[in-house]
Amino acid sequence: MGISYTSKARKRDDRYLVSVKEYTQYHRDGYLIVRGLLSKEDISKLYDLAERTRAGTIKPVEPINAADSDNLDKANEDPLKSEFVHQTRVHMVSRLDTVAEWGMLHPRVLDVTEALIGPDVYALQSMLFLNPPGRGGQGWHQDSYYIKTHPDMMLGAWMALEEVDEENGCLWVVPGSNHEPIYPPDGYNGGSVHAVEAFKDLNTVVNVSHLDDEINTLSKVVANYPPPIPVPMQAGDVLFFHSHLFHRSFPNRTEDRYRRSYVCHYCNARSWVPWDHDGYEGETGNYRQILARGRTHLAYAEPVFGTEVFLSEANDESDSVRMMGMDDGMMMPIVQKKE
């Protein structure tokens, strides 16, 4: 008899318990704001990480194929390349710094993630945004356009490290757009999340993430929805958002304020992940992704800096339930007791 696996969340005094209303809102609208999820002490540590990064003490790793990962039209400048050059956004700091790894594996962030897409969770990526005055911003995009998982169950966790509003470049979202498919890049089947030729009318897009809506053709799909809404946040608030959600930000319009945030991505750890920021060997990058909650039958990595994670173990004492056919044609649940 196989081993029954029933994941059980581990109790902690400060555990965040997700409500059914929050779960429903996330899956309906594509995002969920949890106010004050992170404490002042937590934010202080992550803010210090941002300042150390800004001072150049953490050396960023440039993304693999950053220039062509979004298949931008070569006639137009990659809108993100200059941000990497100026180090206003730094990827995978979690592989460079112990505080960054701790932030990506923060128990309360994983509490929410575990409830929304778990119980088994991979921690995939971390991004630190600094966005000084006059810089930053990213046009309309969907995160699974860049990071692919199969099945496609990724979410982002956007942690505000200071006050974020329309002036310094808060996120804008299109509620309900999480139900859209991922619009693939033009002429590049390797960039398709869905089976190629499975749709009759899934149009390709070009210049995704470009700030100019006239150039970024995903904006034409966004125009089918009611006006997007801004997401102002306070330090300690965390925005969880679906990987299909249309979202964007604008450059920081202030003269004396930054917009520091820490953004991490997660997926269900039963997913095949043909991606890794720093490259990988073989068919998948699973072996490079940290198992943050639950269990998996797939390869995984452990935290580089030893951050504690709460994993599940097989429960060989629990009973299993199977559906059995009865003589009258009905299906009935049968509990099989462990001996």
C-alpha atoms as a PDB file:
ATOM      1  CA  MET A   1       0.000   0.000   0.000  1.00  0.00           C
ATOM      2  CA  GLY A   2       1.261   3.438  -0.852  1.00  0.00           C
ATOM      3  CA  ILE A   3       2.164   6.001   1.767  1.00  0.00           C
ATOM      4  CA  SER A   4      -0.585   8.515   2.420  1.00  0.00           C
ATOM      5  CA  TYR A   5       0.529  12.127   2.285  1.00  0.00           C
ATOM      6  CA  THR A   6      -1.598  14.684   4.052  1.00  0.00           C
ATOM      7  CA  SER A   7       0.274  17.946   4.415  1.00  0.00           C
ATOM      8  CA  LYS A   8      -0.280  19.744   7.690  1.00  0.00           C
ATOM      9  CA  ALA A   9       0.788  23.331   8.284  1.00  0.00           C
ATOM     10  CA  ARG A  10       3.248  23.596  11.126  1.00  0.00           C
ATOM     11  CA  LYS A  11       2.043  25.682  14.041  1.00  0.00           C
ATOM     12  CA  ARG A  12       3.897  28.848  15.017  1.00  0.00           C
ATOM     13  CA  ASP A  13       2.924  31.636  17.363  1.00  0.00           C
ATOM     14  CA  ASP A  14       3.225  34.212  14.561  1.00  0.00           C
ATOM     15  CA  ARG A  15       1.781  32.114  11.759  1.00  0.00           C
ATOM     16  CA  TYR A  16      -0.441  34.005   9.325  1.00  0.00           C
ATOM     17  CA  LEU A  17      -3.701  32.150   8.773  1.00  0.00           C
ATOM     18  CA  VAL A  18      -5.278  32.857   5.384  1.00  0.00           C
ATOM     19  CA  SER A  19      -9.044  33.313   5.370  1.00  0.00           C
ATOM     20  CA  VAL A  20     -11.366  31.713   2.832  1.00  0.00           C
ATOM     21  CA  LYS A  21     -12.326  35.228   1.729  1.00  0.00           C
ATOM     22  CA  GLU A  22      -8.671  36.050   1.012  1.00  0.00           C
ATOM     23  CA  TYR A  23      -8.188  32.783  -0.876  1.00  0.00           C
ATOM     24  CA  THR A  24     -11.287  33.447  -2.973  1.00  0.00           C
ATOM     25  CA  GLN A  25     -10.304  37.036  -3.696  1.00  0.00           C
ATOM     26  CA  TYR A  26      -6.827  36.019  -4.862  1.00  0.00           C
ATOM     27  CA  HIS A  27      -8.147  33.422  -7.288  1.00  0.00           C
ATOM     28  CA  ARG A  28     -10.973  35.702  -8.483  1.00  0.00           C
ATOM     29  CA  ASP A  29      -9.088  38.968  -8.934  1.00  0.00           C
ATOM     30  CA  GLY A  30      -5.542  37.682  -9.330  1.00  0.00           C
ATOM     31  CA  TYR A  31      -4.051  39.483  -6.364  1.00  0.00           C
ATOM     32  CA  LEU A  32      -4.239  39.785  -2.595  1.00  0.00           C
ATOM     33  CA  ILE A  33      -2.828  42.545  -0.371  1.00  0.00           C
ATOM     34  CA  VAL A  34      -1.908  41.442   3.145  1.00  0.00           C
ATOM     35  CA  ARG A  35      -1.400  44.599   5.183  1.00  0.00           C
ATOM     36  CA  GLY A  36       1.363  44.601   7.791  1.00  0.00           C
ATOM     37  CA  LEU A  37       2.410  41.009   7.084  1.00  0.00           C
ATOM     38  CA  LEU A  38       6.049  41.842   7.847  1.00  0.00           C
ATOM     39  CA  SER A  39       7.115  43.462  11.103  1.00  0.00           C
ATOM     40  CA  LYS A  40       9.116  46.671  11.471  1.00  0.00           C
ATOM     41  CA  GLU A  41      12.132  44.559  12.440  1.00  0.00           C
ATOM     42  CA  ASP A  42      11.751  42.430   9.310  1.00  0.00           C
ATOM     43  CA  ILE A  43      11.481  45.488   7.085  1.00  0.00           C
ATOM     44  CA  SER A  44      14.533  47.022   8.752  1.00  0.00           C
ATOM     45  CA  LYS A  45      16.616  43.989   7.755  1.00  0.00           C
ATOM     46  CA  LEU A  46      15.375  44.044   4.168  1.00  0.00           C
ATOM     47  CA  TYR A  47      15.759  47.829   3.924  1.00  0.00           C
ATOM     48  CA  ASP A  48      19.371  47.432   5.051  1.00  0.00           C
ATOM     49  CA  LEU A  49      19.789  44.804   2.328  1.00  0.00           C
ATOM     50  CA  ALA A  50      18.556  47.347  -0.210  1.00  0.00           C
ATOM     51  CA  GLU A  51      20.954  49.989   1.068  1.00  0.00           C
ATOM     52  CA  ARG A  52      23.896  47.593   0.988  1.00  0.00           C
ATOM     53  CA  THR A  53      22.963  46.718  -2.567  1.00  0.00           C
ATOM     54  CA  ARG A  54      22.691  50.387  -3.491  1.00  0.00           C
ATOM     55  CA  ALA A  55      26.134  50.978  -1.994  1.00  0.00           C
ATOM     56  CA  GLY A  56      27.558  48.251  -4.220  1.00  0.00           C
ATOM     57  CA  THR A  57      28.496  45.742  -1.516  1.00  0.00           C
ATOM     58  CA  ILE A  58      26.341  43.062  -3.198  1.00  0.00           C
ATOM     59  CA  LYS A  59      27.433  42.293  -6.738  1.00  0.00           C
ATOM     60  CA  PRO A  60      24.474  41.451  -8.977  1.00  0.00           C
ATOM     61  CA  VAL A  61      24.304  38.557 -11.411  1.00  0.00           C
ATOM     62  CA  GLU A  62      23.040  39.685 -14.797  1.00  0.00           C
ATOM     63  CA  PRO A  63      20.186  37.523 -16.061  1.00  0.00           C
ATOM     64  CA  ILE A  64      20.906  34.900 -18.695  1.00  0.00           C
ATOM     65  CA  ASN A  65      19.908  36.212 -22.149  1.00  0.00           C
ATOM     66  CA  ALA A  66      18.432  39.340 -20.574  1.00  0.00           C
ATOM     67  CA  ALA A  67      18.417  41.177 -23.883  1.00  0.00           C
ATOM     68  CA  ASP A  68      16.328  38.618 -25.746  1.00  0.00           C
ATOM     69  CA  SER A  69      14.368  36.933 -22.958  1.00  0.00           C
ATOM     70  CA  ASP A  70      11.274  38.968 -23.778  1.00  0.00           C
ATOM     71  CA  ASN A  71      11.851  38.822 -27.557  1.00  0.00           C
ATOM     72  CA  LEU A  72      11.698  42.584 -27.961  1.00  0.00           C
ATOM     73  CA  ASP A  73      11.593  44.050 -31.436  1.00  0.00           C
ATOM     74  CA  LYS A  74      15.228  44.785 -32.265  1.00  0.00           C
ATOM     75  CA  ALA A  75      14.185  48.190 -33.564  1.00  0.00           C
ATOM     76  CA  ASN A  76      13.391  49.259 -30.031  1.00  0.00           C
ATOM     77  CA  GLU A  77      15.565  49.524 -26.949  1.00  0.00           C
ATOM     78  CA  ASP A  78      15.077  46.933 -24.229  1.00  0.00           C
ATOM     79  CA  PRO A  79      13.374  48.995 -21.474  1.00  0.00           C
ATOM     80  CA  LEU A  80      14.898  46.877 -18.712  1.00  0.00           C
ATOM     81  CA  LYS A  81      18.506  46.705 -19.866  1.00  0.00           C
ATOM     82  CA  SER A  82      19.359  50.197 -18.633  1.00  0.00           C
ATOM     83  CA  GLU A  83      17.864  49.362 -15.241  1.00  0.00           C
ATOM     84  CA  PHE A  84      20.250  46.424 -14.943  1.00  0.00           C
ATOM     85  CA  VAL A  85      23.160  48.609 -16.043  1.00  0.00           C
ATOM     86  CA  HIS A  86      22.315  51.207 -13.405  1.00  0.00           C
ATOM     87  CA  GLN A  87      21.651  48.421 -10.880  1.00  0.00           C
ATOM     88  CA  THR A  88      18.282  49.861  -9.933  1.00  0.00           C
ATOM     89  CA  ARG A  89      16.966  46.282 -10.018  1.00  0.00           C
ATOM     90  CA  VAL A  90      19.055  43.293  -9.003  1.00  0.00           C
ATOM     91  CA  HIS A  91      18.049  39.699  -9.582  1.00  0.00           C
ATOM     92  CA  MET A  92      18.743  36.636  -7.435  1.00  0.00           C
ATOM     93  CA  VAL A  93      20.182  38.457  -4.438  1.00  0.00           C
ATOM     94  CA  SER A  94      18.966  35.419  -2.478  1.00  0.00           C
ATOM     95  CA  ARG A  95      21.943  33.505  -3.891  1.00  0.00           C
ATOM     96  CA  LEU A  96      24.339  36.225  -2.832  1.00  0.00           C
ATOM     97  CA  ASP A  97      23.302  37.258   0.678  1.00  0.00           C
ATOM     98  CA  THR A  98      21.967  35.523   3.779  1.00  0.00           C
ATOM     99  CA  VAL A  99      19.382  38.252   4.545  1.00  0.00           C
ATOM    100  CA  ALA A 100      18.081  38.063   0.985  1.00  0.00           C
ATOM    101  CA  GLU A 101      17.640  34.299   1.291  1.00  0.00           C
ATOM    102  CA  TRP A 102      15.901  34.784   4.643  1.00  0.00           C
ATOM    103  CA  GLY A 103      13.552  37.312   3.047  1.00  0.00           C
ATOM    104  CA  MET A 104      12.647  34.978   0.190  1.00  0.00           C
ATOM    105  CA  LEU A 105      11.980  32.182   2.720  1.00  0.00           C
ATOM    106  CA  HIS A 106      10.246  34.388   5.268  1.00  0.00           C
ATOM    107  CA  PRO A 107       7.800  32.148   7.193  1.00  0.00           C
ATOM    108  CA  ARG A 108       4.853  34.572   7.021  1.00  0.00           C
ATOM    109  CA  VAL A 109       5.277  35.133   3.278  1.00  0.00           C
ATOM    110  CA  LEU A 110       5.368  31.357   2.837  1.00  0.00           C
ATOM    111  CA  ASP A 111       2.318  30.978   5.113  1.00  0.00           C
ATOM    112  CA  VAL A 112       0.240  32.873   2.571  1.00  0.00           C
ATOM    113  CA  THR A 113       1.914  31.256  -0.442  1.00  0.00           C
ATOM    114  CA  GLU A 114       1.373  27.788   1.016  1.00  0.00           C
ATOM    115  CA  ALA A 115      -2.357  28.448   1.347  1.00  0.00           C
ATOM    116  CA  LEU A 116      -2.763  30.000  -2.112  1.00  0.00           C
ATOM    117  CA  ILE A 117      -0.801  27.568  -4.323  1.00  0.00           C
ATOM    118  CA  GLY A 118       0.583  24.887  -1.961  1.00  0.00           C
ATOM    119  CA  PRO A 119       0.907  22.898   0.136  1.00  0.00           C
ATOM    120  CA  ASP A 120       4.196  22.180  -1.656  1.00  0.00           C
ATOM    121  CA  VAL A 121       6.199  25.300  -2.556  1.00  0.00           C
ATOM    122  CA  TYR A 122       9.342  26.019  -4.560  1.00  0.00           C
ATOM    123  CA  ALA A 123      11.104  29.360  -4.006  1.00  0.00           C
ATOM    124  CA  LEU A 124      12.191  30.362  -7.513  1.00  0.00           C
ATOM    125  CA  GLN A 125      13.510  33.877  -7.703  1.00  0.00           C
ATOM    126  CA  SER A 126      14.248  37.085  -5.821  1.00  0.00           C
ATOM    127  CA  MET A 127      14.460  40.634  -7.170  1.00  0.00           C
ATOM    128  CA  LEU A 128      15.466  43.763  -5.310  1.00  0.00           C
ATOM    129  CA  PHE A 129      14.122  47.025  -6.734  1.00  0.00           C
ATOM    130  CA  LEU A 130      15.660  50.378  -5.733  1.00  0.00           C
ATOM    131  CA  ASN A 131      13.993  52.775  -8.233  1.00  0.00           C
ATOM    132  CA  PRO A 132      15.625  56.114  -7.429  1.00  0.00           C
ATOM    133  CA  PRO A 133      14.055  59.397  -8.596  1.00  0.00           C
ATOM    134  CA  GLY A 134      13.570  59.415 -12.345  1.00  0.00           C
ATOM    135  CA  ARG A 135      14.209  55.704 -12.830  1.00  0.00           C
ATOM    136  CA  GLY A 136      12.401  52.383 -12.678  1.00  0.00           C
ATOM    137  CA  GLY A 137       9.130  51.351 -14.204  1.00  0.00           C
ATOM    138  CA  GLN A 138       8.098  48.402 -16.350  1.00  0.00           C
ATOM    139  CA  GLY A 139       5.329  48.269 -18.935  1.00  0.00           C
ATOM    140  CA  TRP A 140       2.468  45.791 -19.123  1.00  0.00           C
ATOM    141  CA  HIS A 141       3.537  42.190 -18.742  1.00  0.00           C
ATOM    142  CA  GLN A 142       2.648  38.801 -17.259  1.00  0.00           C
ATOM    143  CA  ASP A 143       5.253  37.085 -15.102  1.00  0.00           C
ATOM    144  CA  SER A 144       4.765  33.623 -16.609  1.00  0.00           C
ATOM    145  CA  TYR A 145       5.797  35.157 -19.926  1.00  0.00           C
ATOM    146  CA  TYR A 146       9.314  35.101 -18.458  1.00  0.00           C
ATOM    147  CA  ILE A 147       9.284  32.272 -15.908  1.00  0.00           C
ATOM    148  CA  LYS A 148       7.578  29.068 -16.976  1.00  0.00           C
ATOM    149  CA  THR A 149       6.386  26.254 -14.754  1.00  0.00           C
ATOM    150  CA  HIS A 150       4.305  23.220 -15.690  1.00  0.00           C
ATOM    151  CA  PRO A 151       1.653  23.119 -14.363  1.00  0.00           C
ATOM    152  CA  ASP A 152       1.486  26.881 -14.469  1.00  0.00           C
ATOM    153  CA  MET A 153       0.942  27.781 -10.782  1.00  0.00           C
ATOM    154  CA  MET A 154       3.366  30.600 -10.052  1.00  0.00           C
ATOM    155  CA  LEU A 155       2.770  33.684  -7.924  1.00  0.00           C
ATOM    156  CA  GLY A 156       4.764  36.743  -6.980  1.00  0.00           C
ATOM    157  CA  ALA A 157       5.111  38.288  -3.527  1.00  0.00           C
ATOM    158  CA  TRP A 158       5.787  42.049  -3.710  1.00  0.00           C
ATOM    159  CA  MET A 159       7.121  43.301  -0.355  1.00  0.00           C
ATOM    160  CA  ALA A 160       7.040  47.051   0.200  1.00  0.00           C
ATOM    161  CA  LEU A 161      10.119  48.273   2.115  1.00  0.00           C
ATOM    162  CA  GLU A 162       8.804  51.838   2.369  1.00  0.00           C
ATOM    163  CA  GLU A 163       5.724  53.839   1.447  1.00  0.00           C
ATOM    164  CA  VAL A 164       4.751  53.200  -2.169  1.00  0.00           C
ATOM    165  CA  ASP A 165       2.303  55.404  -4.061  1.00  0.00           C
ATOM    166  CA  GLU A 166       1.594  56.690  -7.544  1.00  0.00           C
ATOM    167  CA  GLU A 167       4.284  59.370  -7.279  1.00  0.00           C
ATOM    168  CA  ASN A 168       7.224  57.047  -6.585  1.00  0.00           C
ATOM    169  CA  GLY A 169       6.055  54.236  -8.850  1.00  0.00           C
ATOM    170  CA  CYS A 170       3.593  51.832  -7.230  1.00  0.00           C
ATOM    171  CA  LEU A 171       2.317  48.767  -9.047  1.00  0.00           C
ATOM    172  CA  TRP A 172      -0.805  48.956 -11.226  1.00  0.00           C
ATOM    173  CA  VAL A 173      -2.943  45.859 -11.772  1.00  0.00           C
ATOM    174  CA  VAL A 174      -5.882  44.752 -13.918  1.00  0.00           C
ATOM    175  CA  PRO A 175      -8.245  42.810 -11.625  1.00  0.00           C
ATOM    176  CA  GLY A 176      -9.510  39.587 -13.167  1.00  0.00           C
ATOM    177  CA  SER A 177      -6.894  39.469 -15.911  1.00  0.00           C
ATOM    178  CA  ASN A 178      -5.327  36.460 -14.171  1.00  0.00           C
ATOM    179  CA  HIS A 179      -7.893  34.385 -16.074  1.00  0.00           C
ATOM    180  CA  GLU A 180      -6.223  35.304 -19.369  1.00  0.00           C
ATOM    181  CA  PRO A 181      -3.772  32.918 -21.037  1.00  0.00           C
ATOM    182  CA  ILE A 182      -0.147  33.936 -21.385  1.00  0.00           C
ATOM    183  CA  TYR A 183       0.267  35.864 -24.632  1.00  0.00           C
ATOM    184  CA  PRO A 184       3.348  34.437 -26.359  1.00  0.00           C
ATOM    185  CA  PRO A 185       6.150  36.358 -28.073  1.00  0.00           C
ATOM    186  CA  ASP A 186       5.968  36.680 -31.825  1.00  0.00           C
ATOM    187  CA  GLY A 187       7.723  33.963 -33.814  1.00  0.00           C
ATOM    188  CA  TYR A 188       9.269  32.082 -30.886  1.00  0.00           C
ATOM    189  CA  ASN A 189       7.551  28.836 -29.925  1.00  0.00           C
ATOM    190  CA  GLY A 190      10.011  28.265 -27.085  1.00  0.00           C
ATOM    191  CA  GLY A 191       8.434  31.255 -25.363  1.00  0.00           C
ATOM    192  CA  SER A 192       4.954  29.735 -25.296  1.00  0.00           C
ATOM    193  CA  VAL A 193       3.529  28.585 -21.972  1.00  0.00           C
ATOM    194  CA  HIS A 194       0.628  26.789 -23.629  1.00  0.00           C
ATOM    195  CA  ALA A 195       0.709  24.011 -26.205  1.00  0.00           C
ATOM    196  CA  VAL A 196       1.511  25.574 -29.572  1.00  0.00           C
ATOM    197  CA  GLU A 197      -1.542  25.645 -31.855  1.00  0.00           C
ATOM    198  CA  ALA A 198      -3.890  24.666 -29.009  1.00  0.00           C
ATOM    199  CA  PHE A 199      -5.720  28.019 -29.319  1.00  0.00           C
ATOM    200  CA  LYS A 200      -7.438  29.359 -32.410  1.00  0.00           C
ATOM    201  CA  ASP A 201      -7.108  33.024 -31.480  1.00  0.00           C
ATOM    202  CA  LEU A 202      -4.222  33.461 -29.022  1.00  0.00           C
ATOM    203  CA  ASN A 203      -2.441  36.420 -30.571  1.00  0.00           C
ATOM    204  CA  THR A 204       1.295  36.907 -30.196  1.00  0.00           C
ATOM    205  CA  VAL A 205       2.718  40.074 -28.664  1.00  0.00           C
ATOM    206  CA  VAL A 206       5.848  42.164 -29.082  1.00  0.00           C
ATOM    207  CA  ASN A 207       7.770  44.532 -26.839  1.00  0.00           C
ATOM    208  CA  VAL A 208       6.233  43.193 -23.640  1.00  0.00           C
ATOM    209  CA  SER A 209       7.388  45.269 -20.622  1.00  0.00           C
ATOM    210  CA  HIS A 210       8.056  48.329 -22.788  1.00  0.00           C
ATOM    211  CA  LEU A 211       6.849  51.477 -21.049  1.00  0.00           C
ATOM    212  CA  ASP A 212       5.304  52.876 -24.243  1.00  0.00           C
ATOM    213  CA  ASP A 213       1.812  51.431 -24.736  1.00  0.00           C
ATOM    214  CA  GLU A 214       2.010  52.204 -28.444  1.00  0.00           C
ATOM    215  CA  ILE A 215       4.945  49.815 -28.745  1.00  0.00           C
ATOM    216  CA  ASN A 216       3.979  47.220 -26.138  1.00  0.00           C
ATOM    217  CA  THR A 217       1.189  45.345 -27.932  1.00  0.00           C
ATOM    218  CA  LEU A 218      -0.010  43.590 -24.753  1.00  0.00           C
ATOM    219  CA  SER A 219      -1.588  46.964 -23.941  1.00  0.00           C
ATOM    220  CA  LYS A 220      -4.218  46.210 -26.610  1.00  0.00           C
ATOM    221  CA  VAL A 221      -5.451  43.283 -24.499  1.00  0.00           C
ATOM    222  CA  VAL A 222      -5.338  45.395 -21.340  1.00  0.00           C
ATOM    223  CA  ALA A 223      -7.630  47.887 -23.089  1.00  0.00           C
ATOM    224  CA  ASN A 224     -10.412  45.281 -23.088  1.00  0.00           C
ATOM    225  CA  TYR A 225     -10.725  45.632 -19.307  1.00  0.00           C
ATOM    226  CA  PRO A 226     -11.947  48.423 -17.033  1.00  0.00           C
ATOM    227  CA  PRO A 227      -9.258  50.970 -16.143  1.00  0.00           C
ATOM    228  CA  PRO A 228      -6.299  49.511 -14.189  1.00  0.00           C
ATOM    229  CA  ILE A 229      -6.019  50.360 -10.513  1.00  0.00           C
ATOM    230  CA  PRO A 230      -2.974  51.505  -8.503  1.00  0.00           C
ATOM    231  CA  VAL A 231      -1.787  49.530  -5.489  1.00  0.00           C
ATOM    232  CA  PRO A 232      -0.439  51.954  -2.852  1.00  0.00           C
ATOM    233  CA  MET A 233       1.298  50.189   0.026  1.00  0.00           C
ATOM    234  CA  GLN A 234       3.008  50.838   3.323  1.00  0.00           C
ATOM    235  CA  ALA A 235       6.249  49.281   4.557  1.00  0.00           C
ATOM    236  CA  GLY A 236       5.450  45.746   5.666  1.00  0.00           C
ATOM    237  CA  ASP A 237       2.523  45.238   3.289  1.00  0.00           C
ATOM    238  CA  VAL A 238       2.848  42.346   0.830  1.00  0.00           C
ATOM    239  CA  LEU A 239       1.039  42.046  -2.487  1.00  0.00           C
ATOM    240  CA  PHE A 240       0.572  38.470  -3.707  1.00  0.00           C
ATOM    241  CA  PHE A 241      -0.262  38.303  -7.410  1.00  0.00           C
ATOM    242  CA  HIS A 242      -1.006  35.617  -9.985  1.00  0.00           C
ATOM    243  CA  SER A 243       1.561  35.018 -12.726  1.00  0.00           C
ATOM    244  CA  HIS A 244      -1.023  35.717 -15.464  1.00  0.00           C
ATOM    245  CA  LEU A 245      -2.133  39.046 -13.991  1.00  0.00           C
ATOM    246  CA  PHE A 246      -1.570  42.084 -16.224  1.00  0.00           C
ATOM    247  CA  HIS A 247       0.526  44.521 -14.184  1.00  0.00           C
ATOM    248  CA  ARG A 248       2.949  47.377 -14.637  1.00  0.00           C
ATOM    249  CA  SER A 249       4.675  50.284 -12.905  1.00  0.00           C
ATOM    250  CA  PHE A 250       5.755  53.770 -13.931  1.00  0.00           C
ATOM    251  CA  PRO A 251       9.090  55.512 -13.356  1.00  0.00           C
ATOM    252  CA  ASN A 252       9.587  57.242 -10.029  1.00  0.00           C
ATOM    253  CA  ARG A 253       8.328  60.817 -10.550  1.00  0.00           C
ATOM    254  CA  THR A 254       9.581  62.213  -7.248  1.00  0.00           C
ATOM    255  CA  GLU A 255      12.746  64.232  -6.759  1.00  0.00           C
ATOM    256  CA  ASP A 256      13.778  62.942  -3.345  1.00  0.00           C
ATOM    257  CA  ARG A 257      12.219  59.522  -2.730  1.00  0.00           C
ATOM    258  CA  TYR A 258      13.232  55.984  -3.657  1.00  0.00           C
ATOM    259  CA  ARG A 259      10.866  53.053  -4.160  1.00  0.00           C
ATOM    260  CA  ARG A 260      12.545  50.103  -2.510  1.00  0.00           C
ATOM    261  CA  SER A 261      10.819  46.739  -2.727  1.00  0.00           C
ATOM    262  CA  TYR A 262      11.704  43.070  -2.565  1.00  0.00           C
ATOM    263  CA  VAL A 263       9.872  40.774  -4.974  1.00  0.00           C
ATOM    264  CA  CYS A 264      10.036  36.977  -4.928  1.00  0.00           C
ATOM    265  CA  HIS A 265       8.433  34.278  -7.026  1.00  0.00           C
ATOM    266  CA  TYR A 266       7.149  30.876  -5.988  1.00  0.00           C
ATOM    267  CA  CYS A 267       5.383  27.930  -7.585  1.00  0.00           C
ATOM    268  CA  ASN A 268       3.871  24.637  -6.543  1.00  0.00           C
ATOM    269  CA  ALA A 269       6.750  22.233  -5.918  1.00  0.00           C
ATOM    270  CA  ARG A 270       5.069  19.474  -7.911  1.00  0.00           C
ATOM    271  CA  SER A 271       5.823  21.518 -11.041  1.00  0.00           C
ATOM    272  CA  TRP A 272       8.324  20.820 -13.776  1.00  0.00           C
ATOM    273  CA  VAL A 273      10.428  23.983 -14.066  1.00  0.00           C
ATOM    274  CA  PRO A 274      12.257  24.439 -17.397  1.00  0.00           C
ATOM    275  CA  TRP A 275      13.875  27.636 -16.108  1.00  0.00           C
ATOM    276  CA  ASP A 276      16.554  28.997 -13.839  1.00  0.00           C
ATOM    277  CA  HIS A 277      17.852  32.539 -13.670  1.00  0.00           C
ATOM    278  CA  ASP A 278      21.507  31.470 -13.653  1.00  0.00           C
ATOM    279  CA  GLY A 279      21.176  28.664 -16.181  1.00  0.00           C
ATOM    280  CA  TYR A 280      20.963  24.918 -15.631  1.00  0.00           C
ATOM    281  CA  GLU A 281      21.982  21.597 -17.156  1.00  0.00           C
ATOM    282  CA  GLY A 282      19.609  18.981 -18.467  1.00  0.00           C
ATOM    283  CA  GLU A 283      15.901  19.316 -19.160  1.00  0.00           C
ATOM    284  CA  THR A 284      14.845  21.245 -16.061  1.00  0.00           C
ATOM    285  CA  GLY A 285      16.113  23.675 -13.468  1.00  0.00           C
ATOM    286  CA  ASN A 286      14.216  21.990 -10.618  1.00  0.00           C
ATOM    287  CA  TYR A 287      17.404  21.010  -8.851  1.00  0.00           C
ATOM    288  CA  ARG A 288      18.242  24.712  -8.461  1.00  0.00           C
ATOM    289  CA  GLN A 289      14.910  25.715  -6.876  1.00  0.00           C
ATOM    290  CA  ILE A 290      14.625  25.714  -3.072  1.00  0.00           C
ATOM    291  CA  LEU A 291      11.945  23.500  -1.546  1.00  0.00           C
ATOM    292  CA  ALA A 292      10.393  25.980   0.880  1.00  0.00           C
ATOM    293  CA  ARG A 293       7.283  24.113   2.104  1.00  0.00           C
ATOM    294  CA  GLY A 294       5.776  20.650   1.906  1.00  0.00           C
ATOM    295  CA  ARG A 295       7.302  17.854  -0.140  1.00  0.00           C
ATOM    296  CA  THR A 296       8.063  17.025  -3.771  1.00  0.00           C
ATOM    297  CA  HIS A 297       8.844  13.969  -5.869  1.00  0.00           C
ATOM    298  CA  LEU A 298      11.095  16.184  -8.006  1.00  0.00           C
ATOM    299  CA  ALA A 299      14.634  17.445  -7.552  1.00  0.00           C
ATOM    300  CA  TYR A 300      15.176  20.494  -5.356  1.00  0.00           C
ATOM    301  CA  ALA A 301      17.831  22.629  -3.694  1.00  0.00           C
ATOM    302  CA  GLU A 302      18.391  23.449  -0.045  1.00  0.00           C
ATOM    303  CA  PRO A 303      18.945  27.013   1.231  1.00  0.00           C
ATOM    304  CA  VAL A 304      22.521  28.070   0.492  1.00  0.00           C
ATOM    305  CA  PHE A 305      22.831  30.090   3.710  1.00  0.00           C
ATOM    306  CA  GLY A 306      21.014  27.599   5.905  1.00  0.00           C
ATOM    307  CA  THR A 307      17.724  29.479   6.362  1.00  0.00           C
ATOM    308  CA  GLU A 308      15.256  27.230   8.166  1.00  0.00           C
ATOM    309  CA  VAL A 309      12.362  25.892   6.115  1.00  0.00           C
ATOM    310  CA  PHE A 310       9.377  23.852   7.327  1.00  0.00           C
ATOM    311  CA  LEU A 311       9.016  20.717   5.238  1.00  0.00           C
ATOM    312  CA  SER A 312       6.481  17.922   5.563  1.00  0.00           C
ATOM    313  CA  GLU A 313       7.216  14.265   6.093  1.00  0.00           C
ATOM    314  CA  ALA A 314       5.220  11.285   4.858  1.00  0.00           C
ATOM    315  CA  ASN A 315       2.612  10.254   7.400  1.00  0.00           C
ATOM    316  CA  ASP A 316       2.507   6.471   7.468  1.00  0.00           C
ATOM    317  CA  GLU A 317       0.014   6.507  10.351  1.00  0.00           C
ATOM    318  CA  SER A 318      -2.819   8.252   8.529  1.00  0.00           C
ATOM    319  CA  ASP A 319      -5.720   6.555   6.823  1.00  0.00           C
ATOM    320  CA  SER A 320      -6.280   6.812   3.084  1.00  0.00           C
ATOM    321  CA  VAL A 321      -9.612   7.293   1.337  1.00  0.00           C
ATOM    322  CA  ARG A 322     -10.522   5.671  -1.976  1.00  0.00           C
ATOM    323  CA  MET A 323     -13.681   5.748  -4.055  1.00  0.00           C
ATOM    324  CA  MET A 324     -15.071   2.247  -4.599  1.00  0.00           C
ATOM    325  CA  GLY A 325     -17.838   1.112  -6.966  1.00  0.00           C
ATOM    326  CA  MET A 326     -20.840  -0.469  -5.267  1.00  0.00           C
ATOM    327  CA  ASP A 327     -23.123  -3.177  -6.652  1.00  0.00           C
ATOM    328  CA  ASP A 328     -25.851  -0.596  -7.250  1.00  0.00           C
ATOM    329  CA  GLY A 329     -23.542   1.506  -9.419  1.00  0.00           C
ATOM    330  CA  MET A 330     -22.934   4.208  -6.817  1.00  0.00           C
ATOM    331  CA  MET A 331     -19.470   5.391  -5.793  1.00  0.00           C
ATOM    332  CA  MET A 332     -18.719   5.403  -2.089  1.00  0.00           C
ATOM    333  CA  PRO A 333     -15.660   6.572  -0.126  1.00  0.00           C
ATOM    334  CA  ILE A 334     -13.888   3.722   1.644  1.00  0.00           C
ATOM    335  CA  VAL A 335     -11.396   4.431   4.429  1.00  0.00           C
ATOM    336  CA  GLN A 336      -8.440   2.091   4.396  1.00  0.00           C
ATOM    337  CA  LYS A 337      -6.935   1.746   7.838  1.00  0.00           C
ATOM    338  CA  LYS A 338      -3.208   1.546   8.358  1.00  0.00           C
ATOM    339  CA  GLU A 339      -2.111  -1.565  10.254  1.00  0.00           C
END
